[in-house]
Amino acid sequence: MLLATLAAGPAQADNGQQRTGIQLTALSVESSTVDASSGDGTVTIDWTVQDGDTAATDMLGSLTVQQVGTDGRLVGAPQALTFSFQPEWPYQANPVDGSMASAHYSYAFPVPQYAAQPTARWAVVRAEAKDDRGATLAVGRQGLARYGAEFTATHLVDSTGPAYDQLGQVVDQPEYLYNADASVTARYRLNITDDESGFFRGRLVLAGPQGATASGTFRLVPNTDGSQQCGDYPGYDSHDVWCTVDVTIPAGAPAGSWSISRLRLTDASGTVSVSRDLSQDPVHVTQNGTVRATDFAISPGQYNNWNGTARLAVTMKPADFRDGIASVTVLLDGCGGSVTENPEIADDGSISVAATVPPIYTRKCAVTGIGITDGAGDTAAYGTDFHGPVLDLVATQIPDTAAPVVNSASLDVTSVPASTLRRNAVLTLDVTSFVGVNRFSLTVYDASGEPVGGMSGGISSVTNGPLKLLVPLYEGLTPGVYTVGFTLTDAGDLYSQYGYSNGVGLPVPGGPLRITVTDD
């Protein structure tokens, strides 16, 4: 058994902290060699942590175990061994004896089955801890070297680096990026598989004009709940993971097409695979230095989508372009954008791109991005979605200012025998509504003004003409005279009320709506 214990004077421990803080006082491994080739090899690691704060009741921490190459550099993925004083999932180790003042931990560390070589040297290279009073411990590789907590393992050889597929841009990646004043970010996603060691980390390189490049790194990192994370994607299996990677293109980097050129993937054993000359999924970087545009507009400034889809036109005048305009992309917030290939240039030099506004609920349509590509491949970008100059292009819904109006109202029956109940009467209304009636409610009142039935709900929009509603007459109504009051609500939430027994609202055109229930 390898064992080392650091003796500290009364003032300081091995990490330079005062005795009142957290100290690692012992660290060892119980075997100097292990055969991990079967997949179930373990090495027991023992360590002791002291806490000088008598008020502390809990501690969380981790040891990092990693391969050490023949040249002394760390190799492959670090393996975390987590511990807690109080049992807490998903922390792996708890004290086998002791107290918060001095707790002894022991854990059978599962040694990875694969490595890049048949044998590999492993060592505990970092120790961290934090108690519930805020004291911390952080000891790096140099500070742990004196413990000699290392071992040699026999492995199966992992000679194949990770594979990938479905490499491409994320769904919302802008096609155009304006980088005249600030750096911009292109985001990509990919699926990575590695049947042996499992994926560890990667680097994605973009190539731009004039030999310029930009790169982004990504890696699999543990979450506190026991899962793993690679960019935006969580998961539990390092052998099959999804990752996102951000690549920052600096401000002022050459304008033109930037595309994926190289992908480097490293698995947990340190085995690498590299894919070159990919030349895919370009983004157009621009400073609007060649082709550009002016005179942006959106029309009409107010649209009517209360009863159907509204049509808008986004116009602009391109300048300094070559070989015509190849395409114009318009992005909008709240309404549907579009890409127009080979748009027609009008006699006044302008281009028009169509936009659509969904019915009823879209109150505002704002242009958030305009991207232009000319026939020579030069580009220009405007709007916040492309990080370009701000566009002030907003169209709004025509306001609803008039509540529904009932021009006439009639019932198909005015007298019914009590023996025929239950049944419905039909109320026919002639309505006028700018935005359309789409909801109603009605109430039946007895002679004393008490409600004895009713109905409400949504209906197909009616702007002008007849509207038929059912008036429920329930079984058990006693002979007498009953009146009907109703409310009509339009798509803009304006409403009108008619015929209520308490005098609320307007009188019904033509007089009250009355139904007499007769005795058999």
Protein backbone atom coordinates (compact mmCIF):
# COMPACT_ATOMS: atom_id res chain seq x y z
CA MET A 1 0.00 0.00 0.00
CA LEU A 2 1.21 3.47 -0.93
CA LEU A 3 0.62 5.92 1.88
CA ALA A 4 1.75 9.45 2.51
CA THR A 5 0.67 11.80 5.27
CA LEU A 6 1.64 15.43 5.43
CA ALA A 7 2.70 16.72 8.79
CA ALA A 8 1.82 20.36 9.30
CA GLY A 9 2.89 22.78 11.97
CA PRO A 10 0.38 24.55 14.15
CA ALA A 11 0.01 27.45 11.71
CA GLN A 12 -0.36 25.90 8.26
CA ALA A 13 -1.36 22.75 6.36
CA ASP A 14 0.10 21.52 3.07
CA ASN A 15 -2.10 23.78 0.94
CA GLY A 16 -1.07 26.88 2.84
CA GLN A 17 -4.40 27.26 4.65
CA GLN A 18 -4.73 28.00 8.36
CA ARG A 19 -5.61 25.15 10.72
CA THR A 20 -9.11 26.58 11.06
CA GLY A 21 -9.82 25.70 7.41
CA ILE A 22 -10.08 22.44 5.46
CA GLN A 23 -7.01 20.23 5.12
CA LEU A 24 -6.23 17.08 3.20
CA THR A 25 -4.06 15.14 5.66
CA ALA A 26 -3.76 11.72 3.99
CA LEU A 27 -4.10 10.28 0.49
CA SER A 28 -3.12 6.82 -0.75
CA VAL A 29 -3.96 4.01 -3.13
CA GLU A 30 -4.09 0.41 -1.89
CA SER A 31 -2.56 -1.19 -4.99
CA SER A 32 0.20 -0.03 -7.31
CA THR A 33 -1.02 -2.14 -10.26
CA VAL A 34 -4.40 -3.23 -11.60
CA ASP A 35 -5.66 -5.17 -14.62
CA ALA A 36 -8.54 -3.13 -16.06
CA SER A 37 -8.78 -4.98 -19.38
CA SER A 38 -11.83 -7.00 -18.30
CA GLY A 39 -13.81 -3.82 -17.61
CA ASP A 40 -14.24 -4.38 -13.87
CA GLY A 41 -10.84 -3.41 -12.49
CA THR A 42 -10.83 -1.15 -9.45
CA VAL A 43 -8.27 0.57 -7.25
CA THR A 44 -9.21 1.55 -3.71
CA ILE A 45 -8.33 5.15 -2.88
CA ASP A 46 -8.18 6.30 0.76
CA TRP A 47 -8.04 9.89 1.95
CA THR A 48 -8.63 11.93 5.07
CA VAL A 49 -10.03 15.46 5.23
CA GLN A 50 -9.98 17.62 8.35
CA ASP A 51 -12.16 20.66 9.03
CA GLY A 52 -11.14 23.04 11.81
CA ASP A 53 -14.52 24.78 11.95
CA THR A 54 -16.45 23.11 14.76
CA ALA A 55 -19.72 24.62 13.49
CA ALA A 56 -19.44 22.92 10.09
CA THR A 57 -21.80 19.94 9.60
CA ASP A 58 -21.32 18.92 5.97
CA MET A 59 -18.73 18.91 3.22
CA LEU A 60 -18.80 18.22 -0.52
CA GLY A 61 -15.71 17.52 -2.59
CA SER A 62 -14.01 15.60 -5.35
CA LEU A 63 -10.75 13.93 -6.31
CA THR A 64 -9.63 13.97 -9.93
CA VAL A 65 -7.90 10.87 -11.27
CA GLN A 66 -6.21 11.06 -14.66
CA GLN A 67 -3.68 9.32 -16.90
CA VAL A 68 -0.14 10.65 -16.82
CA GLY A 69 1.90 10.25 -20.00
CA THR A 70 5.54 9.20 -20.20
CA ASP A 71 6.44 12.85 -20.70
CA GLY A 72 4.57 13.83 -17.53
CA ARG A 73 1.65 15.48 -19.28
CA LEU A 74 -1.93 14.59 -18.41
CA VAL A 75 -3.64 12.38 -20.99
CA GLY A 76 -7.30 11.85 -21.89
CA ALA A 77 -10.34 12.67 -19.82
CA PRO A 78 -10.12 13.42 -16.09
CA GLN A 79 -12.16 11.02 -13.95
CA ALA A 80 -14.01 12.62 -11.04
CA LEU A 81 -14.43 10.81 -7.72
CA THR A 82 -16.98 12.80 -5.70
CA PHE A 83 -17.54 12.62 -1.95
CA SER A 84 -19.78 14.12 0.72
CA PHE A 85 -19.73 13.94 4.50
CA GLN A 86 -23.51 13.59 4.72
CA PRO A 87 -24.88 10.97 2.27
CA GLU A 88 -26.13 12.83 -0.79
CA TRP A 89 -26.87 11.59 -4.30
CA PRO A 90 -25.06 11.51 -6.71
CA TYR A 91 -21.89 11.86 -4.60
CA GLN A 92 -20.01 8.56 -4.69
CA ALA A 93 -18.16 8.29 -1.38
CA ASN A 94 -19.05 8.92 2.25
CA PRO A 95 -16.84 8.65 5.35
CA VAL A 96 -16.02 5.15 6.55
CA ASP A 97 -15.13 6.56 9.97
CA GLY A 98 -14.35 9.80 11.78
CA SER A 99 -16.17 13.10 12.14
CA MET A 100 -16.22 16.49 10.46
CA ALA A 101 -13.08 17.30 12.40
CA SER A 102 -11.27 14.41 10.66
CA ALA A 103 -13.16 12.14 8.23
CA HIS A 104 -11.62 9.10 6.53
CA TYR A 105 -12.96 8.16 3.10
CA SER A 106 -12.37 5.03 1.03
CA TYR A 107 -13.65 4.26 -2.45
CA ALA A 108 -13.10 1.50 -5.01
CA PHE A 109 -12.35 3.63 -8.06
CA PRO A 110 -13.45 1.93 -11.33
CA VAL A 111 -10.48 2.10 -13.68
CA PRO A 112 -11.45 2.69 -17.34
CA GLN A 113 -11.17 -0.41 -19.50
CA TYR A 114 -9.53 1.35 -22.47
CA ALA A 115 -6.41 3.43 -22.93
CA ALA A 116 -4.32 4.46 -25.90
CA GLN A 117 -1.55 2.07 -24.79
CA PRO A 118 -1.60 -1.41 -23.19
CA THR A 119 -0.42 0.09 -19.91
CA ALA A 120 -1.00 3.52 -18.48
CA ARG A 121 0.04 5.36 -15.33
CA TRP A 122 -2.75 7.02 -13.34
CA ALA A 123 -2.57 9.49 -10.48
CA VAL A 124 -4.77 11.59 -8.24
CA VAL A 125 -4.04 15.04 -9.70
CA ARG A 126 -6.49 17.35 -7.90
CA ALA A 127 -8.47 17.55 -4.66
CA GLU A 128 -11.27 20.02 -3.93
CA ALA A 129 -13.71 20.45 -1.05
CA LYS A 130 -16.13 22.97 0.43
CA ASP A 131 -17.98 22.85 3.74
CA ASP A 132 -21.38 24.30 4.61
CA ARG A 133 -19.69 27.26 6.31
CA GLY A 134 -17.96 28.40 3.12
CA ALA A 135 -14.43 27.11 3.78
CA THR A 136 -12.74 25.65 0.71
CA LEU A 137 -9.86 23.38 -0.23
CA ALA A 138 -8.15 23.24 -3.63
CA VAL A 139 -4.92 21.29 -4.09
CA GLY A 140 -3.43 20.80 -7.55
CA ARG A 141 -1.14 18.22 -9.02
CA GLN A 142 2.04 19.72 -7.59
CA GLY A 143 0.64 19.83 -4.08
CA LEU A 144 -0.52 16.20 -4.29
CA ALA A 145 2.72 14.83 -5.73
CA ARG A 146 4.18 14.24 -2.26
CA TYR A 147 1.48 11.69 -1.52
CA GLY A 148 2.53 9.41 -4.38
CA ALA A 149 -1.10 8.41 -4.96
CA GLU A 150 -0.66 6.72 -8.34
CA PHE A 151 -0.92 3.30 -9.95
CA THR A 152 -0.23 1.48 -13.24
CA ALA A 153 -3.13 -0.18 -15.12
CA THR A 154 -3.32 -2.73 -17.91
CA HIS A 155 -5.89 -1.80 -20.55
CA LEU A 156 -7.45 -2.81 -23.80
CA VAL A 157 -6.01 -0.59 -26.51
CA ASP A 158 -8.31 2.06 -27.94
CA SER A 159 -6.77 2.79 -31.32
CA THR A 160 -9.77 4.46 -32.98
CA GLY A 161 -10.84 8.02 -32.28
CA PRO A 162 -14.47 9.17 -32.06
CA ALA A 163 -16.77 9.17 -35.09
CA TYR A 164 -19.40 11.78 -35.86
CA ASP A 165 -22.45 12.44 -38.02
CA GLN A 166 -25.14 15.11 -38.51
CA LEU A 167 -22.63 17.94 -38.27
CA GLY A 168 -24.24 21.25 -39.16
CA GLN A 169 -25.63 24.56 -37.98
CA VAL A 170 -28.18 24.74 -35.20
CA VAL A 171 -31.71 25.54 -36.28
CA ASP A 172 -31.62 29.24 -35.39
CA GLN A 173 -28.09 29.99 -36.64
CA PRO A 174 -28.14 33.28 -38.63
CA GLU A 175 -27.04 32.93 -42.24
CA TYR A 176 -25.50 36.43 -42.19
CA LEU A 177 -23.20 37.89 -39.52
CA TYR A 178 -22.16 41.55 -39.35
CA ASN A 179 -18.76 41.87 -37.67
CA ALA A 180 -17.65 45.42 -38.40
CA ASP A 181 -17.83 46.53 -34.76
CA ALA A 182 -17.88 43.37 -32.64
CA SER A 183 -17.13 39.67 -32.81
CA VAL A 184 -19.90 37.31 -33.91
CA THR A 185 -20.68 33.70 -33.06
CA ALA A 186 -21.56 30.80 -35.33
CA ARG A 187 -23.12 27.81 -33.57
CA TYR A 188 -23.04 24.18 -34.74
CA ARG A 189 -24.23 20.81 -33.49
CA LEU A 190 -23.15 17.21 -34.08
CA ASN A 191 -23.64 13.66 -32.85
CA ILE A 192 -20.51 11.84 -31.62
CA THR A 193 -20.05 8.11 -31.03
CA ASP A 194 -17.15 6.22 -29.47
CA ASP A 195 -17.79 2.58 -28.56
CA GLU A 196 -14.63 2.07 -26.52
CA SER A 197 -13.40 4.90 -24.28
CA GLY A 198 -16.26 7.33 -24.86
CA PHE A 199 -16.08 10.93 -26.08
CA PHE A 200 -14.10 13.56 -24.15
CA ARG A 201 -13.58 16.80 -26.08
CA GLY A 202 -13.29 18.39 -29.52
CA ARG A 203 -12.36 21.40 -31.59
CA LEU A 204 -14.21 22.78 -34.62
CA VAL A 205 -12.37 25.07 -37.07
CA LEU A 206 -13.95 27.48 -39.57
CA ALA A 207 -12.03 28.72 -42.59
CA GLY A 208 -12.71 32.15 -44.07
CA PRO A 209 -11.30 34.33 -46.86
CA GLN A 210 -7.61 35.23 -47.09
CA GLY A 211 -6.59 32.15 -45.11
CA ALA A 212 -8.33 33.35 -41.93
CA THR A 213 -9.54 30.75 -39.41
CA ALA A 214 -11.54 30.68 -36.18
CA SER A 215 -12.16 27.78 -33.83
CA GLY A 216 -14.30 26.69 -30.92
CA THR A 217 -13.78 23.96 -28.34
CA PHE A 218 -16.33 21.71 -26.67
CA ARG A 219 -16.21 18.90 -24.13
CA LEU A 220 -18.27 16.55 -22.06
CA VAL A 221 -18.60 17.85 -18.49
CA PRO A 222 -20.41 16.37 -15.46
CA ASN A 223 -23.55 17.93 -14.00
CA THR A 224 -24.39 17.89 -10.31
CA ASP A 225 -27.28 15.46 -10.89
CA GLY A 226 -25.07 12.71 -12.29
CA SER A 227 -25.74 13.52 -15.94
CA GLN A 228 -23.27 14.96 -18.42
CA GLN A 229 -23.44 18.01 -20.63
CA CYS A 230 -21.90 18.88 -23.99
CA GLY A 231 -22.82 22.43 -24.87
CA ASP A 232 -26.61 22.63 -24.86
CA TYR A 233 -27.20 18.87 -24.79
CA PRO A 234 -27.49 16.79 -21.59
CA GLY A 235 -27.03 13.02 -21.55
CA TYR A 236 -25.86 10.00 -19.59
CA ASP A 237 -23.88 8.03 -22.17
CA SER A 238 -20.43 9.24 -23.24
CA HIS A 239 -20.42 6.64 -26.02
CA ASP A 240 -23.22 8.42 -27.91
CA VAL A 241 -23.58 12.15 -27.29
CA TRP A 242 -24.93 15.29 -28.93
CA CYS A 243 -22.88 18.48 -28.64
CA THR A 244 -23.15 22.13 -29.58
CA VAL A 245 -20.07 24.24 -30.24
CA ASP A 246 -19.73 28.01 -30.57
CA VAL A 247 -17.11 29.50 -32.86
CA THR A 248 -16.30 33.19 -32.37
CA ILE A 249 -15.31 35.13 -35.48
CA PRO A 250 -13.42 38.28 -34.43
CA ALA A 251 -14.55 41.81 -35.24
CA GLY A 252 -13.16 42.92 -38.57
CA ALA A 253 -12.23 39.39 -39.69
CA PRO A 254 -12.31 39.12 -43.51
CA ALA A 255 -15.74 39.41 -45.09
CA GLY A 256 -17.00 36.50 -47.12
CA SER A 257 -18.03 32.90 -46.68
CA TRP A 258 -16.83 31.07 -43.53
CA SER A 259 -17.40 27.31 -43.47
CA ILE A 260 -16.45 24.26 -41.41
CA SER A 261 -13.00 23.13 -42.50
CA ARG A 262 -11.71 20.81 -39.77
CA LEU A 263 -13.03 18.78 -36.84
CA ARG A 264 -10.80 17.24 -34.17
CA LEU A 265 -12.31 14.78 -31.68
CA THR A 266 -10.57 13.21 -28.68
CA ASP A 267 -11.91 10.30 -26.66
CA ALA A 268 -11.45 9.61 -22.96
CA SER A 269 -8.28 7.57 -23.57
CA GLY A 270 -6.67 10.43 -25.51
CA THR A 271 -7.12 8.83 -28.96
CA VAL A 272 -7.74 11.47 -31.64
CA SER A 273 -9.63 11.53 -34.93
CA VAL A 274 -9.35 14.47 -37.35
CA SER A 275 -11.57 15.30 -40.33
CA ARG A 276 -10.19 17.89 -42.76
CA ASP A 277 -11.30 19.84 -45.83
CA LEU A 278 -14.99 19.64 -44.91
CA SER A 279 -16.02 22.97 -46.53
CA GLN A 280 -19.63 22.84 -45.37
CA ASP A 281 -22.38 24.92 -43.74
CA PRO A 282 -21.13 28.41 -44.56
CA VAL A 283 -22.14 31.64 -42.89
CA HIS A 284 -21.78 34.99 -44.64
CA VAL A 285 -19.62 37.43 -42.68
CA THR A 286 -19.83 41.06 -43.74
CA GLN A 287 -19.02 44.64 -42.80
CA ASN A 288 -21.36 45.99 -45.51
CA GLY A 289 -18.24 47.26 -47.25
CA THR A 290 -19.16 46.22 -50.80
CA VAL A 291 -22.83 45.63 -51.52
CA ARG A 292 -25.13 47.61 -49.24
CA ALA A 293 -28.71 48.89 -49.09
CA THR A 294 -30.68 52.01 -48.12
CA ASP A 295 -34.26 53.28 -47.97
CA PHE A 296 -35.66 50.38 -45.94
CA ALA A 297 -39.44 50.39 -45.47
CA ILE A 298 -42.35 48.15 -44.50
CA SER A 299 -45.88 48.70 -45.80
CA PRO A 300 -48.64 49.08 -44.94
CA GLY A 301 -47.68 50.55 -41.59
CA GLN A 302 -51.00 49.30 -40.20
CA TYR A 303 -52.47 46.00 -41.33
CA ASN A 304 -55.85 44.31 -40.92
CA ASN A 305 -55.44 40.67 -39.90
CA TRP A 306 -58.60 40.45 -37.82
CA ASN A 307 -60.32 38.15 -40.28
CA GLY A 308 -57.45 36.54 -42.15
CA THR A 309 -53.77 36.67 -43.05
CA ALA A 310 -52.41 40.15 -43.84
CA ARG A 311 -49.84 40.77 -46.57
CA LEU A 312 -46.91 43.14 -46.13
CA ALA A 313 -44.05 44.29 -48.35
CA VAL A 314 -40.51 44.97 -47.11
CA THR A 315 -38.66 47.21 -49.54
CA MET A 316 -35.09 48.50 -49.89
CA LYS A 317 -32.70 49.91 -52.46
CA PRO A 318 -29.46 47.92 -52.96
CA ALA A 319 -26.31 49.73 -54.08
CA ASP A 320 -22.80 48.86 -55.28
CA PHE A 321 -23.83 45.33 -56.17
CA ARG A 322 -22.37 43.24 -58.98
CA ASP A 323 -24.15 40.85 -61.35
CA GLY A 324 -27.57 41.63 -59.92
CA ILE A 325 -29.02 40.53 -56.59
CA ALA A 326 -28.93 36.78 -56.02
CA SER A 327 -31.09 36.63 -52.89
CA VAL A 328 -32.66 38.66 -50.11
CA THR A 329 -33.48 37.14 -46.71
CA VAL A 330 -35.94 38.94 -44.44
CA LEU A 331 -36.39 37.86 -40.80
CA LEU A 332 -39.36 39.13 -38.82
CA ASP A 333 -40.61 38.96 -35.24
CA GLY A 334 -44.29 38.02 -34.91
CA CYS A 335 -44.87 37.32 -38.58
CA GLY A 336 -43.55 35.13 -41.36
CA GLY A 337 -40.27 36.03 -43.05
CA SER A 338 -39.06 34.80 -46.41
CA VAL A 339 -36.14 34.30 -48.74
CA THR A 340 -36.51 35.72 -52.23
CA GLU A 341 -34.17 34.32 -54.88
CA ASN A 342 -33.21 36.55 -57.82
CA PRO A 343 -35.60 39.35 -56.79
CA GLU A 344 -36.78 41.75 -59.44
CA ILE A 345 -35.25 45.23 -59.28
CA ALA A 346 -37.92 47.85 -60.00
CA ASP A 347 -37.38 50.87 -62.23
CA ASP A 348 -36.68 53.01 -59.15
CA GLY A 349 -33.94 50.59 -58.05
CA SER A 350 -35.90 49.05 -55.18
CA ILE A 351 -36.53 45.43 -54.24
CA SER A 352 -39.71 44.17 -52.58
CA VAL A 353 -39.92 41.08 -50.38
CA ALA A 354 -43.29 39.71 -49.26
CA ALA A 355 -44.17 39.06 -45.60
CA THR A 356 -47.28 37.51 -44.06
CA VAL A 357 -49.00 38.22 -40.74
CA PRO A 358 -51.09 35.44 -39.11
CA PRO A 359 -54.73 36.19 -38.28
CA ILE A 360 -56.08 37.98 -35.21
CA TYR A 361 -53.45 37.67 -32.49
CA THR A 362 -50.34 39.20 -34.07
CA ARG A 363 -50.40 42.79 -32.90
CA LYS A 364 -46.96 43.79 -34.22
CA CYS A 365 -44.65 42.72 -37.03
CA ALA A 366 -41.03 43.91 -36.78
CA VAL A 367 -38.19 43.34 -39.24
CA THR A 368 -35.26 41.94 -37.25
CA GLY A 369 -32.86 41.00 -40.04
CA ILE A 370 -32.20 41.67 -43.72
CA GLY A 371 -29.46 39.81 -45.55
CA ILE A 372 -28.49 40.55 -49.15
CA THR A 373 -26.25 38.56 -51.49
CA ASP A 374 -25.31 39.91 -54.89
CA GLY A 375 -24.46 37.93 -58.01
CA ALA A 376 -20.73 38.08 -57.22
CA GLY A 377 -21.25 36.54 -53.75
CA ASP A 378 -20.72 39.71 -51.73
CA THR A 379 -23.11 40.23 -48.83
CA ALA A 380 -24.64 42.88 -46.59
CA ALA A 381 -26.48 42.38 -43.30
CA TYR A 382 -28.80 44.59 -41.27
CA GLY A 383 -30.84 44.16 -38.09
CA THR A 384 -30.34 42.65 -34.65
CA ASP A 385 -30.74 39.02 -35.77
CA PHE A 386 -27.64 39.42 -37.93
CA HIS A 387 -25.83 41.70 -35.41
CA GLY A 388 -26.01 44.45 -38.03
CA PRO A 389 -27.09 48.09 -38.05
CA VAL A 390 -30.43 48.47 -36.33
CA LEU A 391 -33.58 48.53 -38.46
CA ASP A 392 -36.58 50.56 -37.33
CA LEU A 393 -39.19 48.73 -39.38
CA VAL A 394 -42.40 47.94 -37.51
CA ALA A 395 -45.96 47.47 -38.74
CA THR A 396 -48.85 47.23 -36.29
CA GLN A 397 -52.37 45.85 -36.28
CA ILE A 398 -55.23 48.24 -37.01
CA PRO A 399 -56.77 48.82 -33.55
CA ASP A 400 -60.19 47.51 -32.63
CA THR A 401 -62.15 50.59 -31.55
CA ALA A 402 -65.78 49.59 -32.16
CA ALA A 403 -67.69 47.01 -30.14
CA PRO A 404 -70.16 44.75 -31.99
CA VAL A 405 -73.54 46.24 -32.90
CA VAL A 406 -76.80 44.27 -33.10
CA ASN A 407 -79.14 45.70 -35.75
CA SER A 408 -82.04 43.33 -35.10
CA ALA A 409 -82.88 40.30 -32.97
CA SER A 410 -85.63 37.67 -33.15
CA LEU A 411 -86.58 34.30 -31.69
CA ASP A 412 -87.97 31.45 -33.78
CA VAL A 413 -90.55 30.70 -31.04
CA THR A 414 -92.19 32.98 -28.50
CA SER A 415 -94.46 30.42 -26.81
CA VAL A 416 -93.76 26.79 -25.86
CA PRO A 417 -95.77 24.24 -23.85
CA ALA A 418 -94.08 23.09 -20.65
CA SER A 419 -94.57 19.49 -21.76
CA THR A 420 -92.14 20.01 -24.69
CA LEU A 421 -89.24 20.94 -22.47
CA ARG A 422 -86.32 20.30 -22.63
CA ARG A 423 -85.66 22.11 -25.97
CA ASN A 424 -83.81 24.99 -27.61
CA ALA A 425 -85.09 28.19 -29.14
CA VAL A 426 -83.10 29.82 -31.92
CA LEU A 427 -82.02 33.44 -31.54
CA THR A 428 -81.16 35.15 -34.83
CA LEU A 429 -79.12 38.35 -34.69
CA ASP A 430 -78.15 40.72 -37.47
CA VAL A 431 -74.70 41.99 -36.39
CA THR A 432 -72.09 44.46 -37.56
CA SER A 433 -68.53 44.07 -36.25
CA PHE A 434 -65.30 45.55 -37.63
CA VAL A 435 -63.09 42.72 -36.35
CA GLY A 436 -65.70 39.98 -36.10
CA VAL A 437 -67.75 38.47 -33.26
CA ASN A 438 -66.16 35.22 -32.08
CA ARG A 439 -67.63 34.64 -28.59
CA PHE A 440 -71.02 34.93 -26.93
CA SER A 441 -72.90 34.33 -23.72
CA LEU A 442 -76.64 34.42 -23.07
CA THR A 443 -78.85 34.06 -20.01
CA VAL A 444 -82.53 33.17 -19.57
CA TYR A 445 -84.34 35.02 -16.75
CA ASP A 446 -87.68 34.30 -15.09
CA ALA A 447 -90.29 36.93 -14.33
CA SER A 448 -88.54 37.93 -11.10
CA GLY A 449 -85.23 38.51 -12.89
CA GLU A 450 -83.52 35.36 -11.61
CA PRO A 451 -81.35 33.36 -14.08
CA VAL A 452 -82.76 29.92 -14.92
CA GLY A 453 -80.41 28.85 -17.70
CA GLY A 454 -77.93 29.99 -20.28
CA MET A 455 -75.09 29.15 -22.62
CA SER A 456 -71.68 30.56 -23.72
CA GLY A 457 -68.80 29.68 -26.01
CA GLY A 458 -66.80 30.48 -29.10
CA ILE A 459 -68.16 30.75 -32.62
CA SER A 460 -66.84 31.26 -36.12
CA SER A 461 -66.12 34.93 -36.68
CA VAL A 462 -69.03 37.00 -38.01
CA THR A 463 -68.44 40.56 -39.21
CA ASN A 464 -71.75 41.31 -40.92
CA GLY A 465 -75.09 39.57 -41.29
CA PRO A 466 -76.95 36.85 -39.45
CA LEU A 467 -75.67 35.12 -36.34
CA LYS A 468 -77.73 32.23 -34.93
CA LEU A 469 -77.47 31.21 -31.28
CA LEU A 470 -79.28 28.45 -29.36
CA VAL A 471 -81.30 29.45 -26.29
CA PRO A 472 -81.67 26.48 -23.88
CA LEU A 473 -85.06 26.01 -22.25
CA TYR A 474 -84.63 23.42 -19.51
CA GLU A 475 -87.11 20.86 -18.29
CA GLY A 476 -88.95 22.01 -15.18
CA LEU A 477 -89.50 25.66 -16.15
CA THR A 478 -92.85 26.71 -14.66
CA PRO A 479 -95.42 28.42 -16.85
CA GLY A 480 -94.70 32.11 -17.19
CA VAL A 481 -92.80 34.69 -19.21
CA TYR A 482 -89.02 34.41 -19.62
CA THR A 483 -86.62 36.94 -21.15
CA VAL A 484 -83.24 36.51 -22.83
CA GLY A 485 -80.17 38.72 -22.37
CA PHE A 486 -76.92 38.22 -24.29
CA THR A 487 -73.33 39.46 -24.72
CA LEU A 488 -71.33 39.49 -27.96
CA THR A 489 -67.53 39.72 -27.78
CA ASP A 490 -65.25 40.39 -30.75
CA ALA A 491 -61.71 39.21 -31.54
CA GLY A 492 -60.27 42.34 -29.93
CA ASP A 493 -62.10 41.65 -26.64
CA LEU A 494 -64.58 44.50 -27.05
CA TYR A 495 -68.12 43.49 -26.16
CA SER A 496 -71.74 44.64 -26.24
CA GLN A 497 -74.58 43.56 -23.92
CA TYR A 498 -78.28 43.50 -24.71
CA GLY A 499 -81.53 42.73 -22.88
CA TYR A 500 -80.31 41.96 -19.37
CA SER A 501 -82.98 42.01 -16.67
CA ASN A 502 -80.98 44.28 -14.36
CA GLY A 503 -80.76 47.00 -16.99
CA VAL A 504 -77.08 46.43 -17.80
CA GLY A 505 -76.18 47.13 -21.40
CA LEU A 506 -78.45 48.17 -24.24
CA PRO A 507 -82.10 47.40 -24.97
CA VAL A 508 -82.67 44.76 -27.64
CA PRO A 509 -83.55 46.36 -31.02
CA GLY A 510 -87.27 45.74 -31.60
CA GLY A 511 -88.01 45.13 -27.93
CA PRO A 512 -87.27 42.50 -25.26
CA LEU A 513 -86.76 38.88 -26.24
CA ARG A 514 -89.60 37.03 -24.48
CA ILE A 515 -90.61 33.36 -24.42
CA THR A 516 -93.83 32.27 -22.73
CA VAL A 517 -93.98 28.78 -21.24
CA THR A 518 -97.62 27.69 -21.28
CA ASP A 519 -99.53 25.24 -19.10
CA ASP A 520 -100.43 21.93 -20.75
